């Protein structure tokens, strides 16, 4: 099940960053470039994990108040099921 990890605010509207997978999430600073030769500081969420490859890490940004998302992986690893909807993995 995907669980909320962060609350994000965009222009007064709140969203949840929901994740599925192992690892640690931290807020840190990085650079954003809105155009050539322009570099602005920006807060980012960094997700790090250690383990064997291939690794599966899923995330969703949803409006606050959205219930947890149920995730299932198909036996052939070519699709996932999100709340009973099958989504092919390319």
C-alpha atoms as a PDB file:
ATOM      1  CA  UNK A   1       0.000   0.000   0.000  1.00  0.00           C
ATOM      2  CA  UNK A   2       1.312   3.456  -0.876  1.00  0.00           C
ATOM      3  CA  UNK A   3       1.532   5.656   2.183  1.00  0.00           C
ATOM      4  CA  UNK A   4       1.855   9.447   2.510  1.00  0.00           C
ATOM      5  CA  UNK A   5       5.392  10.582   3.321  1.00  0.00           C
ATOM      6  CA  UNK A   6       5.367  14.357   2.676  1.00  0.00           C
ATOM      7  CA  UNK A   7       2.813  17.163   2.513  1.00  0.00           C
ATOM      8  CA  UNK A   8       3.531  19.570  -0.368  1.00  0.00           C
ATOM      9  CA  UNK A   9       2.012  23.040  -0.732  1.00  0.00           C
ATOM     10  CA  UNK A  10       1.612  24.607  -4.185  1.00  0.00           C
ATOM     11  CA  UNK A  11      -0.065  28.006  -4.167  1.00  0.00           C
ATOM     12  CA  UNK A  12      -2.133  27.194  -1.085  1.00  0.00           C
ATOM     13  CA  UNK A  13      -3.262  23.769  -2.370  1.00  0.00           C
ATOM     14  CA  UNK A  14      -1.938  20.833  -0.365  1.00  0.00           C
ATOM     15  CA  UNK A  15      -0.834  17.535  -1.899  1.00  0.00           C
ATOM     16  CA  UNK A  16       0.538  14.302  -0.486  1.00  0.00           C
ATOM     17  CA  UNK A  17       3.668  12.659  -1.829  1.00  0.00           C
ATOM     18  CA  UNK A  18       2.828   8.956  -1.482  1.00  0.00           C
ATOM     19  CA  UNK A  19       5.491   6.287  -1.932  1.00  0.00           C
ATOM     20  CA  UNK A  20       5.980   2.545  -2.116  1.00  0.00           C
ATOM     21  CA  UNK A  21       9.449   1.113  -1.732  1.00  0.00           C
ATOM     22  CA  UNK A  22      12.334   0.934   0.673  1.00  0.00           C
ATOM     23  CA  UNK A  23      14.550   3.848   1.335  1.00  0.00           C
ATOM     24  CA  UNK A  24      14.936   7.132   3.139  1.00  0.00           C
ATOM     25  CA  UNK A  25      13.553  10.489   2.050  1.00  0.00           C
ATOM     26  CA  UNK A  26      15.194  13.774   3.040  1.00  0.00           C
ATOM     27  CA  UNK A  27      14.691  17.405   2.149  1.00  0.00           C
ATOM     28  CA  UNK A  28      17.852  18.990   0.767  1.00  0.00           C
ATOM     29  CA  UNK A  29      18.983  21.831  -1.498  1.00  0.00           C
ATOM     30  CA  UNK A  30      19.773  21.585  -5.213  1.00  0.00           C
ATOM     31  CA  UNK A  31      19.727  23.835  -8.262  1.00  0.00           C
ATOM     32  CA  UNK A  32      16.860  24.643 -10.638  1.00  0.00           C
ATOM     33  CA  UNK A  33      17.541  26.123 -14.071  1.00  0.00           C
ATOM     34  CA  UNK A  34      14.534  27.883 -15.665  1.00  0.00           C
ATOM     35  CA  UNK A  35      16.717  28.850 -18.640  1.00  0.00           C
ATOM     36  CA  UNK A  36      20.200  28.775 -20.109  1.00  0.00           C
ATOM     37  CA  UNK A  37      22.908  30.000 -17.713  1.00  0.00           C
ATOM     38  CA  UNK A  38      20.380  30.609 -14.906  1.00  0.00           C
ATOM     39  CA  UNK A  39      20.826  28.703 -11.660  1.00  0.00           C
ATOM     40  CA  UNK A  40      18.449  29.139  -8.711  1.00  0.00           C
ATOM     41  CA  UNK A  41      18.559  27.324  -5.358  1.00  0.00           C
ATOM     42  CA  UNK A  42      15.608  24.983  -4.831  1.00  0.00           C
ATOM     43  CA  UNK A  43      14.417  22.637  -2.089  1.00  0.00           C
ATOM     44  CA  UNK A  44      14.131  19.031  -3.280  1.00  0.00           C
ATOM     45  CA  UNK A  45      13.128  15.685  -1.814  1.00  0.00           C
ATOM     46  CA  UNK A  46      15.915  13.147  -2.163  1.00  0.00           C
ATOM     47  CA  UNK A  47      14.973   9.459  -2.064  1.00  0.00           C
ATOM     48  CA  UNK A  48      17.855   7.038  -1.453  1.00  0.00           C
ATOM     49  CA  UNK A  49      17.787   3.284  -1.168  1.00  0.00           C
ATOM     50  CA  UNK A  50      20.234   0.383  -1.107  1.00  0.00           C
ATOM     51  CA  UNK A  51      19.582  -3.127  -2.330  1.00  0.00           C
ATOM     52  CA  UNK A  52      19.736  -5.527  -5.238  1.00  0.00           C
ATOM     53  CA  UNK A  53      18.760  -4.487  -8.739  1.00  0.00           C
ATOM     54  CA  UNK A  54      16.283  -4.255 -10.291  1.00  0.00           C
ATOM     55  CA  UNK A  55      14.617  -2.045  -7.686  1.00  0.00           C
ATOM     56  CA  UNK A  56      10.987  -0.969  -7.576  1.00  0.00           C
ATOM     57  CA  UNK A  57      10.168   2.494  -6.272  1.00  0.00           C
ATOM     58  CA  UNK A  58       6.737   4.028  -6.921  1.00  0.00           C
ATOM     59  CA  UNK A  59       5.501   7.518  -6.078  1.00  0.00           C
ATOM     60  CA  UNK A  60       2.333   9.544  -6.585  1.00  0.00           C
ATOM     61  CA  UNK A  61       1.439  13.175  -5.911  1.00  0.00           C
ATOM     62  CA  UNK A  62      -2.258  13.346  -4.996  1.00  0.00           C
ATOM     63  CA  UNK A  63      -4.580  15.950  -3.437  1.00  0.00           C
ATOM     64  CA  UNK A  64      -4.593  15.916   0.359  1.00  0.00           C
ATOM     65  CA  UNK A  65      -7.370  13.699   1.696  1.00  0.00           C
ATOM     66  CA  UNK A  66      -6.841  10.982  -0.919  1.00  0.00           C
ATOM     67  CA  UNK A  67      -6.971   7.534   0.710  1.00  0.00           C
ATOM     68  CA  UNK A  68      -3.915   5.250   0.519  1.00  0.00           C
ATOM     69  CA  UNK A  69      -3.381   3.667  -2.907  1.00  0.00           C
ATOM     70  CA  UNK A  70      -3.374  -0.129  -3.088  1.00  0.00           C
ATOM     71  CA  UNK A  71      -0.572  -1.464  -5.290  1.00  0.00           C
ATOM     72  CA  UNK A  72      -0.127  -5.003  -6.569  1.00  0.00           C
ATOM     73  CA  UNK A  73       2.575  -6.328  -8.874  1.00  0.00           C
ATOM     74  CA  UNK A  74       1.732  -8.877 -11.535  1.00  0.00           C
ATOM     75  CA  UNK A  75       3.678 -12.149 -11.475  1.00  0.00           C
ATOM     76  CA  UNK A  76       5.328 -11.381 -14.839  1.00  0.00           C
ATOM     77  CA  UNK A  77       6.570  -7.965 -13.570  1.00  0.00           C
ATOM     78  CA  UNK A  78       5.216  -6.320 -16.740  1.00  0.00           C
ATOM     79  CA  UNK A  79       2.282  -4.568 -15.097  1.00  0.00           C
ATOM     80  CA  UNK A  80       1.106  -3.257 -11.745  1.00  0.00           C
ATOM     81  CA  UNK A  81      -2.365  -2.972 -10.291  1.00  0.00           C
ATOM     82  CA  UNK A  82      -3.351   0.400  -8.772  1.00  0.00           C
ATOM     83  CA  UNK A  83      -6.682   0.277  -6.917  1.00  0.00           C
ATOM     84  CA  UNK A  84      -7.872  -2.586  -9.194  1.00  0.00           C
ATOM     85  CA  UNK A  85      -6.720  -0.845 -12.412  1.00  0.00           C
ATOM     86  CA  UNK A  86      -3.995  -2.634 -14.419  1.00  0.00           C
ATOM     87  CA  UNK A  87      -1.163  -0.417 -15.669  1.00  0.00           C
ATOM     88  CA  UNK A  88       1.425  -1.862 -18.091  1.00  0.00           C
ATOM     89  CA  UNK A  89       5.090  -1.181 -17.363  1.00  0.00           C
ATOM     90  CA  UNK A  90       7.142  -0.245 -20.390  1.00  0.00           C
END
